[in-house]
Amino acid sequence: MAQADEIIHQQTRLKIMATLRAIPQGEWIEFARLKAILQATDGNLGSHIATLEGAGYIAVNKDFVGKKPRTRVALTRSGRKAFAQHIEFLRTILDAAASRHGDREGTS
């Protein structure tokens, strides 16, 4: 049985991973766009990105467009794998709950 990934399991990090998983592999999303999607603050999002980057789940690219700094993030290969495993873990929980719920309905 798959196990929970404690790094991904936190709500904001799960949302970050799901958002990044939705974009094509190898593409990057700008920090400002991710912040708008998640409705997060700069500090909160930055902290969670640092945690995911430290785990090797995302890559962070900082550069400049003209004189303006730009931060972009993308899933790494290991991040995609970890996210898939975490989703498998969540599905086992939901499947087990659905089975128990179905058993109870049959006994009413």
PDB file of N, CA and C in Angstrom:
ATOM      1  N   MET A   1       0.841  -1.184   0.000  1.00  0.00           N
ATOM      2  CA  MET A   1       0.000   0.000   0.000  1.00  0.00           C
ATOM      3  C   MET A   1       0.883   1.243   0.000  1.00  0.00           C
ATOM      4  N   ALA A   2       0.483   2.227  -0.780  1.00  0.00           N
ATOM      5  CA  ALA A   2       1.219   3.487  -0.834  1.00  0.00           C
ATOM      6  C   ALA A   2       1.132   4.200   0.512  1.00  0.00           C
ATOM      7  N   GLN A   3       2.116   5.014   0.788  1.00  0.00           N
ATOM      8  CA  GLN A   3       2.159   5.770   2.040  1.00  0.00           C
ATOM      9  C   GLN A   3       1.965   7.257   1.752  1.00  0.00           C
ATOM     10  N   ALA A   4       1.475   7.977   2.746  1.00  0.00           N
ATOM     11  CA  ALA A   4       1.334   9.429   2.635  1.00  0.00           C
ATOM     12  C   ALA A   4       2.715  10.052   2.533  1.00  0.00           C
ATOM     13  N   ASP A   5       2.825  11.062   1.703  1.00  0.00           N
ATOM     14  CA  ASP A   5       4.051  11.846   1.615  1.00  0.00           C
ATOM     15  C   ASP A   5       3.814  13.079   2.473  1.00  0.00           C
ATOM     16  N   GLU A   6       4.466  13.136   3.613  1.00  0.00           N
ATOM     17  CA  GLU A   6       4.221  14.212   4.571  1.00  0.00           C
ATOM     18  C   GLU A   6       4.582  15.588   4.013  1.00  0.00           C
ATOM     19  N   ILE A   7       5.488  15.634   3.058  1.00  0.00           N
ATOM     20  CA  ILE A   7       5.836  16.921   2.452  1.00  0.00           C
ATOM     21  C   ILE A   7       4.698  17.395   1.564  1.00  0.00           C
ATOM     22  N   ILE A   8       4.165  16.515   0.748  1.00  0.00           N
ATOM     23  CA  ILE A   8       3.095  16.875  -0.183  1.00  0.00           C
ATOM     24  C   ILE A   8       1.760  17.009   0.544  1.00  0.00           C
ATOM     25  N   HIS A   9       1.555  16.257   1.593  1.00  0.00           N
ATOM     26  CA  HIS A   9       0.253  16.157   2.243  1.00  0.00           C
ATOM     27  C   HIS A   9      -0.284  17.495   2.744  1.00  0.00           C
ATOM     28  N   GLN A  10       0.572  18.409   3.135  1.00  0.00           N
ATOM     29  CA  GLN A  10       0.123  19.714   3.621  1.00  0.00           C
ATOM     30  C   GLN A  10      -0.712  20.388   2.518  1.00  0.00           C
ATOM     31  N   GLN A  11      -1.815  21.005   2.880  1.00  0.00           N
ATOM     32  CA  GLN A  11      -2.804  21.502   1.929  1.00  0.00           C
ATOM     33  C   GLN A  11      -2.238  22.421   0.845  1.00  0.00           C
ATOM     34  N   THR A  12      -1.481  23.423   1.211  1.00  0.00           N
ATOM     35  CA  THR A  12      -0.953  24.352   0.206  1.00  0.00           C
ATOM     36  C   THR A  12       0.040  23.653  -0.707  1.00  0.00           C
ATOM     37  N   ARG A  13       0.889  22.799  -0.147  1.00  0.00           N
ATOM     38  CA  ARG A  13       1.854  22.086  -0.993  1.00  0.00           C
ATOM     39  C   ARG A  13       1.147  21.108  -1.924  1.00  0.00           C
ATOM     40  N   LEU A  14       0.071  20.494  -1.467  1.00  0.00           N
ATOM     41  CA  LEU A  14      -0.716  19.611  -2.330  1.00  0.00           C
ATOM     42  C   LEU A  14      -1.294  20.406  -3.497  1.00  0.00           C
ATOM     43  N   LYS A  15      -1.792  21.598  -3.224  1.00  0.00           N
ATOM     44  CA  LYS A  15      -2.326  22.462  -4.283  1.00  0.00           C
ATOM     45  C   LYS A  15      -1.236  22.888  -5.259  1.00  0.00           C
ATOM     46  N   ILE A  16      -0.060  23.206  -4.735  1.00  0.00           N
ATOM     47  CA  ILE A  16       1.060  23.574  -5.601  1.00  0.00           C
ATOM     48  C   ILE A  16       1.392  22.410  -6.529  1.00  0.00           C
ATOM     49  N   MET A  17       1.534  21.233  -5.956  1.00  0.00           N
ATOM     50  CA  MET A  17       1.890  20.051  -6.750  1.00  0.00           C
ATOM     51  C   MET A  17       0.823  19.740  -7.794  1.00  0.00           C
ATOM     52  N   ALA A  18      -0.453  19.841  -7.423  1.00  0.00           N
ATOM     53  CA  ALA A  18      -1.534  19.569  -8.371  1.00  0.00           C
ATOM     54  C   ALA A  18      -1.527  20.583  -9.512  1.00  0.00           C
ATOM     55  N   THR A  19      -1.284  21.832  -9.180  1.00  0.00           N
ATOM     56  CA  THR A  19      -1.231  22.869 -10.211  1.00  0.00           C
ATOM     57  C   THR A  19      -0.069  22.620 -11.159  1.00  0.00           C
ATOM     58  N   LEU A  20       1.088  22.312 -10.605  1.00  0.00           N
ATOM     59  CA  LEU A  20       2.260  22.065 -11.452  1.00  0.00           C
ATOM     60  C   LEU A  20       2.083  20.805 -12.287  1.00  0.00           C
ATOM     61  N   ARG A  21       1.411  19.810 -11.747  1.00  0.00           N
ATOM     62  CA  ARG A  21       1.170  18.563 -12.482  1.00  0.00           C
ATOM     63  C   ARG A  21       0.246  18.804 -13.678  1.00  0.00           C
ATOM     64  N   ALA A  22      -0.603  19.817 -13.569  1.00  0.00           N
ATOM     65  CA  ALA A  22      -1.564  20.111 -14.635  1.00  0.00           C
ATOM     66  C   ALA A  22      -0.919  20.775 -15.854  1.00  0.00           C
ATOM     67  N   ILE A  23       0.267  21.334 -15.684  1.00  0.00           N
ATOM     68  CA  ILE A  23       0.923  21.952 -16.838  1.00  0.00           C
ATOM     69  C   ILE A  23       1.807  20.909 -17.517  1.00  0.00           C
ATOM     70  N   PRO A  24       2.032  21.054 -18.809  1.00  0.00           N
ATOM     71  CA  PRO A  24       2.840  20.053 -19.528  1.00  0.00           C
ATOM     72  C   PRO A  24       4.239  19.895 -18.934  1.00  0.00           C
ATOM     73  N   GLN A  25       4.707  18.652 -18.946  1.00  0.00           N
ATOM     74  CA  GLN A  25       6.033  18.347 -18.417  1.00  0.00           C
ATOM     75  C   GLN A  25       7.077  19.200 -19.129  1.00  0.00           C
ATOM     76  N   GLY A  26       7.987  19.752 -18.360  1.00  0.00           N
ATOM     77  CA  GLY A  26       9.049  20.577 -18.915  1.00  0.00           C
ATOM     78  C   GLY A  26       8.703  22.052 -19.018  1.00  0.00           C
ATOM     79  N   GLU A  27       7.449  22.406 -18.748  1.00  0.00           N
ATOM     80  CA  GLU A  27       7.067  23.817 -18.775  1.00  0.00           C
ATOM     81  C   GLU A  27       7.117  24.394 -17.368  1.00  0.00           C
ATOM     82  N   TRP A  28       7.301  25.694 -17.314  1.00  0.00           N
ATOM     83  CA  TRP A  28       7.428  26.414 -16.057  1.00  0.00           C
ATOM     84  C   TRP A  28       6.227  27.325 -15.858  1.00  0.00           C
ATOM     85  N   ILE A  29       5.908  27.633 -14.604  1.00  0.00           N
ATOM     86  CA  ILE A  29       4.860  28.602 -14.288  1.00  0.00           C
ATOM     87  C   ILE A  29       5.490  29.698 -13.441  1.00  0.00           C
ATOM     88  N   GLU A  30       5.116  30.933 -13.726  1.00  0.00           N
ATOM     89  CA  GLU A  30       5.674  32.050 -12.978  1.00  0.00           C
ATOM     90  C   GLU A  30       5.070  32.107 -11.580  1.00  0.00           C
ATOM     91  N   PHE A  31       5.902  32.525 -10.642  1.00  0.00           N
ATOM     92  CA  PHE A  31       5.506  32.650  -9.241  1.00  0.00           C
ATOM     93  C   PHE A  31       4.218  33.465  -9.116  1.00  0.00           C
ATOM     94  N   ALA A  32       4.148  34.600  -9.814  1.00  0.00           N
ATOM     95  CA  ALA A  32       2.975  35.471  -9.714  1.00  0.00           C
ATOM     96  C   ALA A  32       1.714  34.753 -10.178  1.00  0.00           C
ATOM     97  N   ARG A  33       1.808  33.955 -11.229  1.00  0.00           N
ATOM     98  CA  ARG A  33       0.654  33.210 -11.734  1.00  0.00           C
ATOM     99  C   ARG A  33       0.234  32.133 -10.734  1.00  0.00           C
ATOM    100  N   LEU A  34       1.201  31.407 -10.198  1.00  0.00           N
ATOM    101  CA  LEU A  34       0.911  30.381  -9.202  1.00  0.00           C
ATOM    102  C   LEU A  34       0.276  31.003  -7.961  1.00  0.00           C
ATOM    103  N   LYS A  35       0.796  32.138  -7.545  1.00  0.00           N
ATOM    104  CA  LYS A  35       0.250  32.860  -6.395  1.00  0.00           C
ATOM    105  C   LYS A  35      -1.213  33.234  -6.640  1.00  0.00           C
ATOM    106  N   ALA A  36      -1.526  33.702  -7.837  1.00  0.00           N
ATOM    107  CA  ALA A  36      -2.903  34.077  -8.165  1.00  0.00           C
ATOM    108  C   ALA A  36      -3.820  32.852  -8.182  1.00  0.00           C
ATOM    109  N   ILE A  37      -3.353  31.759  -8.752  1.00  0.00           N
ATOM    110  CA  ILE A  37      -4.156  30.533  -8.814  1.00  0.00           C
ATOM    111  C   ILE A  37      -4.481  30.028  -7.413  1.00  0.00           C
ATOM    112  N   LEU A  38      -3.479  30.024  -6.555  1.00  0.00           N
ATOM    113  CA  LEU A  38      -3.643  29.473  -5.206  1.00  0.00           C
ATOM    114  C   LEU A  38      -4.191  30.480  -4.204  1.00  0.00           C
ATOM    115  N   GLN A  39      -4.238  31.745  -4.599  1.00  0.00           N
ATOM    116  CA  GLN A  39      -4.659  32.822  -3.707  1.00  0.00           C
ATOM    117  C   GLN A  39      -3.845  32.801  -2.419  1.00  0.00           C
ATOM    118  N   ALA A  40      -2.536  32.758  -2.593  1.00  0.00           N
ATOM    119  CA  ALA A  40      -1.600  32.699  -1.470  1.00  0.00           C
ATOM    120  C   ALA A  40      -0.845  34.020  -1.362  1.00  0.00           C
ATOM    121  N   THR A  41      -0.240  34.236  -0.221  1.00  0.00           N
ATOM    122  CA  THR A  41       0.612  35.408  -0.058  1.00  0.00           C
ATOM    123  C   THR A  41       2.014  35.069  -0.562  1.00  0.00           C
ATOM    124  N   ASP A  42       2.794  36.104  -0.826  1.00  0.00           N
ATOM    125  CA  ASP A  42       4.172  35.898  -1.276  1.00  0.00           C
ATOM    126  C   ASP A  42       4.949  35.039  -0.287  1.00  0.00           C
ATOM    127  N   GLY A  43       4.883  35.409   0.989  1.00  0.00           N
ATOM    128  CA  GLY A  43       5.660  34.703   2.014  1.00  0.00           C
ATOM    129  C   GLY A  43       5.236  33.261   2.192  1.00  0.00           C
ATOM    130  N   ASN A  44       3.928  33.037   2.216  1.00  0.00           N
ATOM    131  CA  ASN A  44       3.417  31.683   2.401  1.00  0.00           C
ATOM    132  C   ASN A  44       3.802  30.805   1.216  1.00  0.00           C
ATOM    133  N   LEU A  45       3.577  31.297   0.011  1.00  0.00           N
ATOM    134  CA  LEU A  45       3.919  30.517  -1.174  1.00  0.00           C
ATOM    135  C   LEU A  45       5.421  30.285  -1.255  1.00  0.00           C
ATOM    136  N   GLY A  46       6.199  31.309  -0.960  1.00  0.00           N
ATOM    137  CA  GLY A  46       7.652  31.175  -0.996  1.00  0.00           C
ATOM    138  C   GLY A  46       8.161  30.119  -0.034  1.00  0.00           C
ATOM    139  N   SER A  47       7.573  30.068   1.142  1.00  0.00           N
ATOM    140  CA  SER A  47       7.968  29.085   2.144  1.00  0.00           C
ATOM    141  C   SER A  47       7.664  27.661   1.676  1.00  0.00           C
ATOM    142  N   HIS A  48       6.491  27.459   1.126  1.00  0.00           N
ATOM    143  CA  HIS A  48       6.116  26.123   0.654  1.00  0.00           C
ATOM    144  C   HIS A  48       6.937  25.708  -0.568  1.00  0.00           C
ATOM    145  N   ILE A  49       7.231  26.663  -1.426  1.00  0.00           N
ATOM    146  CA  ILE A  49       8.077  26.365  -2.587  1.00  0.00           C
ATOM    147  C   ILE A  49       9.459  25.941  -2.108  1.00  0.00           C
ATOM    148  N   ALA A  50       9.983  26.615  -1.103  1.00  0.00           N
ATOM    149  CA  ALA A  50      11.306  26.262  -0.576  1.00  0.00           C
ATOM    150  C   ALA A  50      11.304  24.843  -0.018  1.00  0.00           C
ATOM    151  N   THR A  51      10.230  24.457   0.665  1.00  0.00           N
ATOM    152  CA  THR A  51      10.133  23.102   1.204  1.00  0.00           C
ATOM    153  C   THR A  51      10.104  22.070   0.079  1.00  0.00           C
ATOM    154  N   LEU A  52       9.294  22.319  -0.944  1.00  0.00           N
ATOM    155  CA  LEU A  52       9.205  21.387  -2.076  1.00  0.00           C
ATOM    156  C   LEU A  52      10.509  21.327  -2.858  1.00  0.00           C
ATOM    157  N   GLU A  53      11.175  22.460  -2.995  1.00  0.00           N
ATOM    158  CA  GLU A  53      12.465  22.485  -3.684  1.00  0.00           C
ATOM    159  C   GLU A  53      13.510  21.707  -2.876  1.00  0.00           C
ATOM    160  N   GLY A  54      13.501  21.878  -1.570  1.00  0.00           N
ATOM    161  CA  GLY A  54      14.435  21.162  -0.702  1.00  0.00           C
ATOM    162  C   GLY A  54      14.265  19.652  -0.782  1.00  0.00           C
ATOM    163  N   ALA A  55      13.026  19.216  -1.019  1.00  0.00           N
ATOM    164  CA  ALA A  55      12.747  17.784  -1.160  1.00  0.00           C
ATOM    165  C   ALA A  55      13.079  17.275  -2.566  1.00  0.00           C
ATOM    166  N   GLY A  56      13.411  18.187  -3.471  1.00  0.00           N
ATOM    167  CA  GLY A  56      13.715  17.795  -4.842  1.00  0.00           C
ATOM    168  C   GLY A  56      12.483  17.593  -5.708  1.00  0.00           C
ATOM    169  N   TYR A  57      11.323  18.040  -5.231  1.00  0.00           N
ATOM    170  CA  TYR A  57      10.074  17.839  -5.957  1.00  0.00           C
ATOM    171  C   TYR A  57       9.814  18.906  -7.011  1.00  0.00           C
ATOM    172  N   ILE A  58      10.370  20.093  -6.816  1.00  0.00           N
ATOM    173  CA  ILE A  58      10.225  21.139  -7.805  1.00  0.00           C
ATOM    174  C   ILE A  58      11.577  21.787  -8.061  1.00  0.00           C
ATOM    175  N   ALA A  59      11.675  22.387  -9.227  1.00  0.00           N
ATOM    176  CA  ALA A  59      12.856  23.173  -9.574  1.00  0.00           C
ATOM    177  C   ALA A  59      12.429  24.634  -9.614  1.00  0.00           C
ATOM    178  N   VAL A  60      13.306  25.511  -9.180  1.00  0.00           N
ATOM    179  CA  VAL A  60      13.044  26.942  -9.170  1.00  0.00           C
ATOM    180  C   VAL A  60      14.074  27.613 -10.067  1.00  0.00           C
ATOM    181  N   ASN A  61      13.589  28.480 -10.939  1.00  0.00           N
ATOM    182  CA  ASN A  61      14.459  29.208 -11.851  1.00  0.00           C
ATOM    183  C   ASN A  61      14.239  30.692 -11.620  1.00  0.00           C
ATOM    184  N   LYS A  62      15.317  31.390 -11.275  1.00  0.00           N
ATOM    185  CA  LYS A  62      15.239  32.837 -11.063  1.00  0.00           C
ATOM    186  C   LYS A  62      16.087  33.516 -12.128  1.00  0.00           C
ATOM    187  N   ASP A  63      15.463  34.455 -12.851  1.00  0.00           N
ATOM    188  CA  ASP A  63      16.175  35.202 -13.869  1.00  0.00           C
ATOM    189  C   ASP A  63      15.581  36.597 -13.965  1.00  0.00           C
ATOM    190  N   PHE A  64      15.944  37.321 -14.993  1.00  0.00           N
ATOM    191  CA  PHE A  64      15.442  38.671 -15.187  1.00  0.00           C
ATOM    192  C   PHE A  64      14.827  38.779 -16.569  1.00  0.00           C
ATOM    193  N   VAL A  65      13.738  39.538 -16.641  1.00  0.00           N
ATOM    194  CA  VAL A  65      13.141  39.921 -17.909  1.00  0.00           C
ATOM    195  C   VAL A  65      13.355  41.427 -17.966  1.00  0.00           C
ATOM    196  N   GLY A  66      14.336  41.820 -18.788  1.00  0.00           N
ATOM    197  CA  GLY A  66      14.789  43.212 -18.733  1.00  0.00           C
ATOM    198  C   GLY A  66      15.452  43.419 -17.391  1.00  0.00           C
ATOM    199  N   LYS A  67      14.932  44.349 -16.621  1.00  0.00           N
ATOM    200  CA  LYS A  67      15.473  44.605 -15.287  1.00  0.00           C
ATOM    201  C   LYS A  67      14.573  44.058 -14.185  1.00  0.00           C
ATOM    202  N   LYS A  68      13.512  43.369 -14.585  1.00  0.00           N
ATOM    203  CA  LYS A  68      12.552  42.861 -13.612  1.00  0.00           C
ATOM    204  C   LYS A  68      12.855  41.405 -13.267  1.00  0.00           C
ATOM    205  N   PRO A  69      12.977  41.087 -11.968  1.00  0.00           N
ATOM    206  CA  PRO A  69      13.231  39.694 -11.589  1.00  0.00           C
ATOM    207  C   PRO A  69      12.007  38.820 -11.870  1.00  0.00           C
ATOM    208  N   ARG A  70      12.302  37.568 -12.211  1.00  0.00           N
ATOM    209  CA  ARG A  70      11.233  36.599 -12.488  1.00  0.00           C
ATOM    210  C   ARG A  70      11.605  35.282 -11.823  1.00  0.00           C
ATOM    211  N   THR A  71      10.635  34.702 -11.123  1.00  0.00           N
ATOM    212  CA  THR A  71      10.802  33.382 -10.518  1.00  0.00           C
ATOM    213  C   THR A  71       9.790  32.456 -11.157  1.00  0.00           C
ATOM    214  N   ARG A  72      10.287  31.303 -11.614  1.00  0.00           N
ATOM    215  CA  ARG A  72       9.416  30.291 -12.210  1.00  0.00           C
ATOM    216  C   ARG A  72       9.682  28.957 -11.538  1.00  0.00           C
ATOM    217  N   VAL A  73       8.649  28.110 -11.514  1.00  0.00           N
ATOM    218  CA  VAL A  73       8.780  26.794 -10.899  1.00  0.00           C
ATOM    219  C   VAL A  73       8.214  25.727 -11.825  1.00  0.00           C
ATOM    220  N   ALA A  74       8.722  24.508 -11.658  1.00  0.00           N
ATOM    221  CA  ALA A  74       8.253  23.356 -12.435  1.00  0.00           C
ATOM    222  C   ALA A  74       8.476  22.104 -11.608  1.00  0.00           C
ATOM    223  N   LEU A  75       7.682  21.081 -11.904  1.00  0.00           N
ATOM    224  CA  LEU A  75       7.885  19.788 -11.256  1.00  0.00           C
ATOM    225  C   LEU A  75       9.138  19.118 -11.787  1.00  0.00           C
ATOM    226  N   THR A  76       9.835  18.435 -10.928  1.00  0.00           N
ATOM    227  CA  THR A  76      10.945  17.589 -11.349  1.00  0.00           C
ATOM    228  C   THR A  76      10.399  16.181 -11.629  1.00  0.00           C
ATOM    229  N   ARG A  77      11.230  15.346 -12.185  1.00  0.00           N
ATOM    230  CA  ARG A  77      10.825  13.955 -12.422  1.00  0.00           C
ATOM    231  C   ARG A  77      10.473  13.268 -11.099  1.00  0.00           C
ATOM    232  N   SER A  78      11.292  13.489 -10.069  1.00  0.00           N
ATOM    233  CA  SER A  78      10.997  12.860  -8.778  1.00  0.00           C
ATOM    234  C   SER A  78       9.752  13.471  -8.143  1.00  0.00           C
ATOM    235  N   GLY A  79       9.470  14.729  -8.426  1.00  0.00           N
ATOM    236  CA  GLY A  79       8.253  15.355  -7.933  1.00  0.00           C
ATOM    237  C   GLY A  79       7.012  14.750  -8.567  1.00  0.00           C
ATOM    238  N   ARG A  80       7.094  14.474  -9.867  1.00  0.00           N
ATOM    239  CA  ARG A  80       5.965  13.830 -10.550  1.00  0.00           C
ATOM    240  C   ARG A  80       5.712  12.441  -9.965  1.00  0.00           C
ATOM    241  N   LYS A  81       6.793  11.726  -9.715  1.00  0.00           N
ATOM    242  CA  LYS A  81       6.665  10.377  -9.162  1.00  0.00           C
ATOM    243  C   LYS A  81       6.084  10.433  -7.744  1.00  0.00           C
ATOM    244  N   ALA A  82       6.600  11.326  -6.919  1.00  0.00           N
ATOM    245  CA  ALA A  82       6.117  11.453  -5.538  1.00  0.00           C
ATOM    246  C   ALA A  82       4.652  11.868  -5.516  1.00  0.00           C
ATOM    247  N   PHE A  83       4.267  12.777  -6.409  1.00  0.00           N
ATOM    248  CA  PHE A  83       2.872  13.212  -6.456  1.00  0.00           C
ATOM    249  C   PHE A  83       1.969  12.059  -6.879  1.00  0.00           C
ATOM    250  N   ALA A  84       2.383  11.297  -7.872  1.00  0.00           N
ATOM    251  CA  ALA A  84       1.587  10.138  -8.322  1.00  0.00           C
ATOM    252  C   ALA A  84       1.417   9.130  -7.188  1.00  0.00           C
ATOM    253  N   GLN A  85       2.469   8.889  -6.432  1.00  0.00           N
ATOM    254  CA  GLN A  85       2.390   7.950  -5.310  1.00  0.00           C
ATOM    255  C   GLN A  85       1.466   8.482  -4.209  1.00  0.00           C
ATOM    256  N   HIS A  86       1.518   9.779  -3.976  1.00  0.00           N
ATOM    257  CA  HIS A  86       0.656  10.365  -2.958  1.00  0.00           C
ATOM    258  C   HIS A  86      -0.813  10.285  -3.394  1.00  0.00           C
ATOM    259  N   ILE A  87      -1.078  10.526  -4.641  1.00  0.00           N
ATOM    260  CA  ILE A  87      -2.445  10.419  -5.166  1.00  0.00           C
ATOM    261  C   ILE A  87      -2.930   8.974  -5.056  1.00  0.00           C
ATOM    262  N   GLU A  88      -2.044   8.018  -5.308  1.00  0.00           N
ATOM    263  CA  GLU A  88      -2.403   6.603  -5.144  1.00  0.00           C
ATOM    264  C   GLU A  88      -2.788   6.327  -3.686  1.00  0.00           C
ATOM    265  N   PHE A  89      -2.025   6.873  -2.762  1.00  0.00           N
ATOM    266  CA  PHE A  89      -2.333   6.732  -1.337  1.00  0.00           C
ATOM    267  C   PHE A  89      -3.716   7.301  -1.021  1.00  0.00           C
ATOM    268  N   LEU A  90      -4.003   8.506  -1.517  1.00  0.00           N
ATOM    269  CA  LEU A  90      -5.302   9.127  -1.267  1.00  0.00           C
ATOM    270  C   LEU A  90      -6.438   8.303  -1.876  1.00  0.00           C
ATOM    271  N   ARG A  91      -6.208   7.748  -3.055  1.00  0.00           N
ATOM    272  CA  ARG A  91      -7.243   6.918  -3.696  1.00  0.00           C
ATOM    273  C   ARG A  91      -7.539   5.663  -2.884  1.00  0.00           C
ATOM    274  N   THR A  92      -6.514   5.067  -2.278  1.00  0.00           N
ATOM    275  CA  THR A  92      -6.767   3.874  -1.457  1.00  0.00           C
ATOM    276  C   THR A  92      -7.652   4.221  -0.266  1.00  0.00           C
ATOM    277  N   ILE A  93      -7.440   5.402   0.302  1.00  0.00           N
ATOM    278  CA  ILE A  93      -8.282   5.845   1.416  1.00  0.00           C
ATOM    279  C   ILE A  93      -9.718   6.033   0.940  1.00  0.00           C
ATOM    280  N   LEU A  94      -9.889   6.713  -0.181  1.00  0.00           N
ATOM    281  CA  LEU A  94     -11.236   6.969  -0.704  1.00  0.00           C
ATOM    282  C   LEU A  94     -11.929   5.677  -1.113  1.00  0.00           C
ATOM    283  N   ASP A  95     -11.183   4.772  -1.731  1.00  0.00           N
ATOM    284  CA  ASP A  95     -11.767   3.492  -2.139  1.00  0.00           C
ATOM    285  C   ASP A  95     -12.210   2.683  -0.918  1.00  0.00           C
ATOM    286  N   ALA A  96     -11.383   2.681   0.116  1.00  0.00           N
ATOM    287  CA  ALA A  96     -11.735   1.954   1.336  1.00  0.00           C
ATOM    288  C   ALA A  96     -12.972   2.564   1.985  1.00  0.00           C
ATOM    289  N   ALA A  97     -13.048   3.884   1.994  1.00  0.00           N
ATOM    290  CA  ALA A  97     -14.210   4.556   2.579  1.00  0.00           C
ATOM    291  C   ALA A  97     -15.466   4.257   1.771  1.00  0.00           C
ATOM    292  N   ALA A  98     -15.334   4.247   0.466  1.00  0.00           N
ATOM    293  CA  ALA A  98     -16.483   3.953  -0.393  1.00  0.00           C
ATOM    294  C   ALA A  98     -16.950   2.514  -0.180  1.00  0.00           C
ATOM    295  N   SER A  99     -16.011   1.596  -0.022  1.00  0.00           N
ATOM    296  CA  SER A  99     -16.368   0.193   0.219  1.00  0.00           C
ATOM    297  C   SER A  99     -17.110   0.046   1.545  1.00  0.00           C
ATOM    298  N   ARG A 100     -16.606   0.694   2.575  1.00  0.00           N
ATOM    299  CA  ARG A 100     -17.273   0.624   3.890  1.00  0.00           C
ATOM    300  C   ARG A 100     -18.653   1.259   3.828  1.00  0.00           C
ATOM    301  N   HIS A 101     -18.757   2.365   3.108  1.00  0.00           N
ATOM    302  CA  HIS A 101     -20.042   3.047   2.985  1.00  0.00           C
ATOM    303  C   HIS A 101     -21.041   2.165   2.247  1.00  0.00           C
ATOM    304  N   GLY A 102     -20.581   1.487   1.188  1.00  0.00           N
ATOM    305  CA  GLY A 102     -21.429   0.581   0.434  1.00  0.00           C
ATOM    306  C   GLY A 102     -21.884  -0.609   1.282  1.00  0.00           C
ATOM    307  N   ASP A 103     -20.992  -1.114   2.145  1.00  0.00           N
ATOM    308  CA  ASP A 103     -21.343  -2.225   3.032  1.00  0.00           C
ATOM    309  C   ASP A 103     -22.449  -1.823   4.005  1.00  0.00           C
ATOM    310  N   ARG A 104     -22.356  -0.628   4.538  1.00  0.00           N
ATOM    311  CA  ARG A 104     -23.359  -0.142   5.489  1.00  0.00           C
ATOM    312  C   ARG A 104     -24.711   0.062   4.803  1.00  0.00           C
ATOM    313  N   GLU A 105     -24.706   0.561   3.580  1.00  0.00           N
ATOM    314  CA  GLU A 105     -25.967   0.763   2.875  1.00  0.00           C
ATOM    315  C   GLU A 105     -26.668  -0.552   2.620  1.00  0.00           C
ATOM    316  N   GLY A 106     -25.898  -1.603   2.380  1.00  0.00           N
ATOM    317  CA  GLY A 106     -26.492  -2.909   2.119  1.00  0.00           C
ATOM    318  C   GLY A 106     -27.108  -3.538   3.349  1.00  0.00           C
ATOM    319  N   THR A 107     -26.741  -3.071   4.553  1.00  0.00           N
ATOM    320  CA  THR A 107     -27.269  -3.675   5.780  1.00  0.00           C
ATOM    321  C   THR A 107     -28.451  -2.907   6.345  1.00  0.00           C
ATOM    322  N   SER A 108     -28.809  -1.781   5.752  1.00  0.00           N
ATOM    323  CA  SER A 108     -29.932  -0.984   6.279  1.00  0.00           C
ATOM    324  C   SER A 108     -31.256  -1.582   5.952  1.00  0.00           C
TER     325      SER A 108
END
